């Protein structure tokens, strides 16, 4: 290759990502899945964790500075493996769904909008669900659920 004048400058490789020091929060044994959402509608990221052994979901409200408050626990079906967020009742507030491996169902917890949730309503899957996700699978503008069950199938709600 022949260059006339100065050779072009080579771009430096991007710097690797860096993170602050880890902060640990008390959790019962068996956390399996975690998601973020704004459960109390204050514009700050909150956390929800599915806890396999203690059969609940834990909510940690965010302080807005990278830290979170103590957990509040809500009962789910047995052995929740994953948790997802959606607006399942179309009220503009974040709701939760868990895939409950041990009770062969999906739990829906309706968000109040202040960081709290109502009691779980369970929907049978017929086999042990390990994952649940939210999407608009039928293009109707409403949140739908898909659960991956033990037989290797997915069930849509």
C-alpha atoms as a PDB file:
ATOM      1  CA  UNK A   1       0.000   0.000   0.000  1.00  0.00           C
ATOM      2  CA  UNK A   2       1.362   3.408  -0.875  1.00  0.00           C
ATOM      3  CA  UNK A   3       0.456   6.470   1.177  1.00  0.00           C
ATOM      4  CA  UNK A   4       1.229   9.985   0.096  1.00  0.00           C
ATOM      5  CA  UNK A   5       1.651  12.236   3.084  1.00  0.00           C
ATOM      6  CA  UNK A   6       0.954  11.155   6.640  1.00  0.00           C
ATOM      7  CA  UNK A   7      -0.236   7.629   7.305  1.00  0.00           C
ATOM      8  CA  UNK A   8      -3.825   7.419   8.598  1.00  0.00           C
ATOM      9  CA  UNK A   9      -4.138   7.102  12.360  1.00  0.00           C
ATOM     10  CA  UNK A  10      -5.271   3.721  13.633  1.00  0.00           C
ATOM     11  CA  UNK A  11      -8.144   3.738  16.073  1.00  0.00           C
ATOM     12  CA  UNK A  12      -7.356   2.489  19.556  1.00  0.00           C
ATOM     13  CA  UNK A  13      -9.374  -0.534  20.695  1.00  0.00           C
ATOM     14  CA  UNK A  14     -12.271   0.336  23.007  1.00  0.00           C
ATOM     15  CA  UNK A  15     -11.623   0.202  26.725  1.00  0.00           C
ATOM     16  CA  UNK A  16     -13.082  -2.805  28.559  1.00  0.00           C
ATOM     17  CA  UNK A  17     -16.175  -2.106  30.657  1.00  0.00           C
ATOM     18  CA  UNK A  18     -15.727  -1.271  34.318  1.00  0.00           C
ATOM     19  CA  UNK A  19     -18.088  -1.550  37.247  1.00  0.00           C
ATOM     20  CA  UNK A  20     -18.244  -0.191  40.776  1.00  0.00           C
ATOM     21  CA  UNK A  21     -17.599  -2.578  43.642  1.00  0.00           C
ATOM     22  CA  UNK A  22     -20.354  -5.153  44.160  1.00  0.00           C
ATOM     23  CA  UNK A  23     -22.970  -4.520  46.855  1.00  0.00           C
ATOM     24  CA  UNK A  24     -24.606  -7.607  48.343  1.00  0.00           C
ATOM     25  CA  UNK A  25     -28.220  -7.698  49.514  1.00  0.00           C
ATOM     26  CA  UNK A  26     -29.703 -10.325  51.803  1.00  0.00           C
ATOM     27  CA  UNK A  27     -31.776 -12.867  49.908  1.00  0.00           C
ATOM     28  CA  UNK A  28     -33.314 -16.143  50.973  1.00  0.00           C
ATOM     29  CA  UNK A  29     -31.673 -19.184  49.511  1.00  0.00           C
ATOM     30  CA  UNK A  30     -32.419 -20.067  45.934  1.00  0.00           C
ATOM     31  CA  UNK A  31     -32.579 -16.834  43.915  1.00  0.00           C
ATOM     32  CA  UNK A  32     -32.969 -17.952  40.280  1.00  0.00           C
ATOM     33  CA  UNK A  33     -33.884 -14.885  38.238  1.00  0.00           C
ATOM     34  CA  UNK A  34     -33.763 -11.106  38.541  1.00  0.00           C
ATOM     35  CA  UNK A  35     -35.299  -8.287  36.487  1.00  0.00           C
ATOM     36  CA  UNK A  36     -35.472  -4.520  36.676  1.00  0.00           C
ATOM     37  CA  UNK A  37     -38.529  -2.311  36.439  1.00  0.00           C
ATOM     38  CA  UNK A  38     -40.028   0.806  37.968  1.00  0.00           C
ATOM     39  CA  UNK A  39     -42.495  -0.734  40.397  1.00  0.00           C
ATOM     40  CA  UNK A  40     -43.275   2.420  42.396  1.00  0.00           C
ATOM     41  CA  UNK A  41     -43.333   4.785  39.390  1.00  0.00           C
ATOM     42  CA  UNK A  42     -40.629   7.115  40.745  1.00  0.00           C
ATOM     43  CA  UNK A  43     -38.340   6.907  37.703  1.00  0.00           C
ATOM     44  CA  UNK A  44     -35.741   4.808  39.563  1.00  0.00           C
ATOM     45  CA  UNK A  45     -34.802   1.211  38.718  1.00  0.00           C
ATOM     46  CA  UNK A  46     -36.181  -1.398  41.121  1.00  0.00           C
ATOM     47  CA  UNK A  47     -35.371  -5.132  41.292  1.00  0.00           C
ATOM     48  CA  UNK A  48     -37.517  -8.261  41.423  1.00  0.00           C
ATOM     49  CA  UNK A  49     -36.000 -11.685  42.196  1.00  0.00           C
ATOM     50  CA  UNK A  50     -37.622 -15.102  41.878  1.00  0.00           C
ATOM     51  CA  UNK A  51     -36.665 -17.290  44.866  1.00  0.00           C
ATOM     52  CA  UNK A  52     -36.856 -21.006  44.078  1.00  0.00           C
ATOM     53  CA  UNK A  53     -36.547 -22.448  47.582  1.00  0.00           C
ATOM     54  CA  UNK A  54     -38.626 -19.902  49.533  1.00  0.00           C
ATOM     55  CA  UNK A  55     -41.463 -19.813  46.921  1.00  0.00           C
ATOM     56  CA  UNK A  56     -41.650 -16.057  46.571  1.00  0.00           C
ATOM     57  CA  UNK A  57     -40.568 -13.020  44.636  1.00  0.00           C
ATOM     58  CA  UNK A  58     -38.544 -10.312  46.391  1.00  0.00           C
ATOM     59  CA  UNK A  59     -38.921  -6.628  45.531  1.00  0.00           C
ATOM     60  CA  UNK A  60     -36.043  -4.211  46.209  1.00  0.00           C
ATOM     61  CA  UNK A  61     -37.015  -0.578  45.564  1.00  0.00           C
ATOM     62  CA  UNK A  62     -34.194   1.480  44.075  1.00  0.00           C
ATOM     63  CA  UNK A  63     -32.784   4.549  45.795  1.00  0.00           C
ATOM     64  CA  UNK A  64     -31.618   6.087  42.510  1.00  0.00           C
ATOM     65  CA  UNK A  65     -27.931   5.986  43.420  1.00  0.00           C
ATOM     66  CA  UNK A  66     -27.180   2.344  42.614  1.00  0.00           C
ATOM     67  CA  UNK A  67     -28.398   1.042  45.964  1.00  0.00           C
ATOM     68  CA  UNK A  68     -31.653  -0.676  46.896  1.00  0.00           C
ATOM     69  CA  UNK A  69     -33.890  -0.921  49.939  1.00  0.00           C
ATOM     70  CA  UNK A  70     -34.636  -4.025  51.958  1.00  0.00           C
ATOM     71  CA  UNK A  71     -36.701  -6.712  50.247  1.00  0.00           C
ATOM     72  CA  UNK A  72     -40.450  -7.103  50.468  1.00  0.00           C
ATOM     73  CA  UNK A  73     -41.606 -10.665  49.705  1.00  0.00           C
ATOM     74  CA  UNK A  74     -44.692 -11.880  47.837  1.00  0.00           C
ATOM     75  CA  UNK A  75     -45.773 -15.517  47.705  1.00  0.00           C
ATOM     76  CA  UNK A  76     -45.829 -17.294  44.339  1.00  0.00           C
ATOM     77  CA  UNK A  77     -46.431 -20.873  43.294  1.00  0.00           C
ATOM     78  CA  UNK A  78     -43.847 -23.508  44.234  1.00  0.00           C
ATOM     79  CA  UNK A  79     -40.263 -23.156  43.049  1.00  0.00           C
ATOM     80  CA  UNK A  80     -40.372 -20.016  40.868  1.00  0.00           C
ATOM     81  CA  UNK A  81     -37.593 -20.337  38.322  1.00  0.00           C
ATOM     82  CA  UNK A  82     -37.948 -17.036  36.457  1.00  0.00           C
ATOM     83  CA  UNK A  83     -39.704 -13.688  36.688  1.00  0.00           C
ATOM     84  CA  UNK A  84     -40.809 -11.229  34.009  1.00  0.00           C
ATOM     85  CA  UNK A  85     -42.474  -7.827  33.976  1.00  0.00           C
ATOM     86  CA  UNK A  86     -45.474  -6.635  31.973  1.00  0.00           C
ATOM     87  CA  UNK A  87     -48.681  -4.642  32.211  1.00  0.00           C
ATOM     88  CA  UNK A  88     -51.056  -7.608  32.227  1.00  0.00           C
ATOM     89  CA  UNK A  89     -54.202  -5.723  33.288  1.00  0.00           C
ATOM     90  CA  UNK A  90     -53.532  -2.660  31.080  1.00  0.00           C
ATOM     91  CA  UNK A  91     -53.578  -0.095  33.901  1.00  0.00           C
ATOM     92  CA  UNK A  92     -50.157   1.437  33.153  1.00  0.00           C
ATOM     93  CA  UNK A  93     -48.520  -0.148  36.228  1.00  0.00           C
ATOM     94  CA  UNK A  94     -45.833  -2.843  36.256  1.00  0.00           C
ATOM     95  CA  UNK A  95     -47.074  -6.357  37.021  1.00  0.00           C
ATOM     96  CA  UNK A  96     -45.005  -9.519  37.521  1.00  0.00           C
ATOM     97  CA  UNK A  97     -45.250 -13.113  36.321  1.00  0.00           C
ATOM     98  CA  UNK A  98     -43.254 -16.078  37.623  1.00  0.00           C
ATOM     99  CA  UNK A  99     -42.732 -19.531  36.111  1.00  0.00           C
ATOM    100  CA  UNK A 100     -43.340 -21.950  39.006  1.00  0.00           C
ATOM    101  CA  UNK A 101     -41.516 -25.189  38.268  1.00  0.00           C
ATOM    102  CA  UNK A 102     -42.759 -27.060  41.337  1.00  0.00           C
ATOM    103  CA  UNK A 103     -46.470 -26.255  41.034  1.00  0.00           C
ATOM    104  CA  UNK A 104     -46.840 -26.503  37.234  1.00  0.00           C
ATOM    105  CA  UNK A 105     -48.179 -22.972  36.893  1.00  0.00           C
ATOM    106  CA  UNK A 106     -47.462 -19.321  36.210  1.00  0.00           C
ATOM    107  CA  UNK A 107     -48.223 -16.729  38.913  1.00  0.00           C
ATOM    108  CA  UNK A 108     -49.378 -13.212  38.055  1.00  0.00           C
ATOM    109  CA  UNK A 109     -48.894 -10.493  40.679  1.00  0.00           C
ATOM    110  CA  UNK A 110     -50.693  -7.251  39.837  1.00  0.00           C
ATOM    111  CA  UNK A 111     -48.748  -4.101  40.701  1.00  0.00           C
ATOM    112  CA  UNK A 112     -50.447  -1.363  42.694  1.00  0.00           C
ATOM    113  CA  UNK A 113     -48.041   1.317  41.392  1.00  0.00           C
ATOM    114  CA  UNK A 114     -46.452   2.184  44.745  1.00  0.00           C
ATOM    115  CA  UNK A 115     -43.982  -0.726  44.818  1.00  0.00           C
ATOM    116  CA  UNK A 116     -46.436  -3.255  46.252  1.00  0.00           C
ATOM    117  CA  UNK A 117     -48.241  -6.153  44.569  1.00  0.00           C
ATOM    118  CA  UNK A 118     -51.478  -8.036  45.061  1.00  0.00           C
ATOM    119  CA  UNK A 119     -51.694 -11.721  45.885  1.00  0.00           C
ATOM    120  CA  UNK A 120     -50.655 -14.138  43.147  1.00  0.00           C
ATOM    121  CA  UNK A 121     -53.203 -15.529  40.734  1.00  0.00           C
ATOM    122  CA  UNK A 122     -52.044 -18.854  39.277  1.00  0.00           C
ATOM    123  CA  UNK A 123     -52.570 -20.228  35.766  1.00  0.00           C
ATOM    124  CA  UNK A 124     -51.882 -23.916  35.058  1.00  0.00           C
ATOM    125  CA  UNK A 125     -49.226 -24.818  32.490  1.00  0.00           C
ATOM    126  CA  UNK A 126     -49.683 -28.599  32.629  1.00  0.00           C
ATOM    127  CA  UNK A 127     -45.984 -29.235  33.179  1.00  0.00           C
ATOM    128  CA  UNK A 128     -43.068 -27.692  35.074  1.00  0.00           C
ATOM    129  CA  UNK A 129     -42.357 -24.234  33.569  1.00  0.00           C
ATOM    130  CA  UNK A 130     -38.771 -23.052  33.841  1.00  0.00           C
ATOM    131  CA  UNK A 131     -38.919 -19.727  31.983  1.00  0.00           C
ATOM    132  CA  UNK A 132     -41.536 -17.064  31.345  1.00  0.00           C
ATOM    133  CA  UNK A 133     -41.206 -14.017  29.077  1.00  0.00           C
ATOM    134  CA  UNK A 134     -43.423 -11.107  28.103  1.00  0.00           C
ATOM    135  CA  UNK A 135     -44.166  -9.878  24.586  1.00  0.00           C
ATOM    136  CA  UNK A 136     -46.974  -8.857  22.265  1.00  0.00           C
ATOM    137  CA  UNK A 137     -47.045 -12.140  20.359  1.00  0.00           C
ATOM    138  CA  UNK A 138     -50.392 -11.637  18.604  1.00  0.00           C
ATOM    139  CA  UNK A 139     -49.909  -7.930  17.737  1.00  0.00           C
ATOM    140  CA  UNK A 140     -52.985  -6.756  19.667  1.00  0.00           C
ATOM    141  CA  UNK A 141     -51.099  -4.138  21.710  1.00  0.00           C
ATOM    142  CA  UNK A 142     -51.435  -6.123  24.956  1.00  0.00           C
ATOM    143  CA  UNK A 143     -48.819  -7.963  27.016  1.00  0.00           C
ATOM    144  CA  UNK A 144     -48.786 -11.726  26.453  1.00  0.00           C
ATOM    145  CA  UNK A 145     -46.774 -14.444  28.224  1.00  0.00           C
ATOM    146  CA  UNK A 146     -44.807 -17.367  26.890  1.00  0.00           C
ATOM    147  CA  UNK A 147     -43.716 -20.138  29.261  1.00  0.00           C
ATOM    148  CA  UNK A 148     -41.160 -22.824  28.454  1.00  0.00           C
ATOM    149  CA  UNK A 149     -42.309 -26.083  30.037  1.00  0.00           C
ATOM    150  CA  UNK A 150     -40.494 -29.329  30.846  1.00  0.00           C
ATOM    151  CA  UNK A 151     -41.706 -31.184  27.751  1.00  0.00           C
ATOM    152  CA  UNK A 152     -39.756 -28.678  25.648  1.00  0.00           C
ATOM    153  CA  UNK A 153     -42.843 -26.794  24.496  1.00  0.00           C
ATOM    154  CA  UNK A 154     -43.890 -23.203  24.904  1.00  0.00           C
ATOM    155  CA  UNK A 155     -47.327 -22.127  26.060  1.00  0.00           C
ATOM    156  CA  UNK A 156     -48.729 -18.732  25.143  1.00  0.00           C
ATOM    157  CA  UNK A 157     -51.183 -16.764  27.290  1.00  0.00           C
END
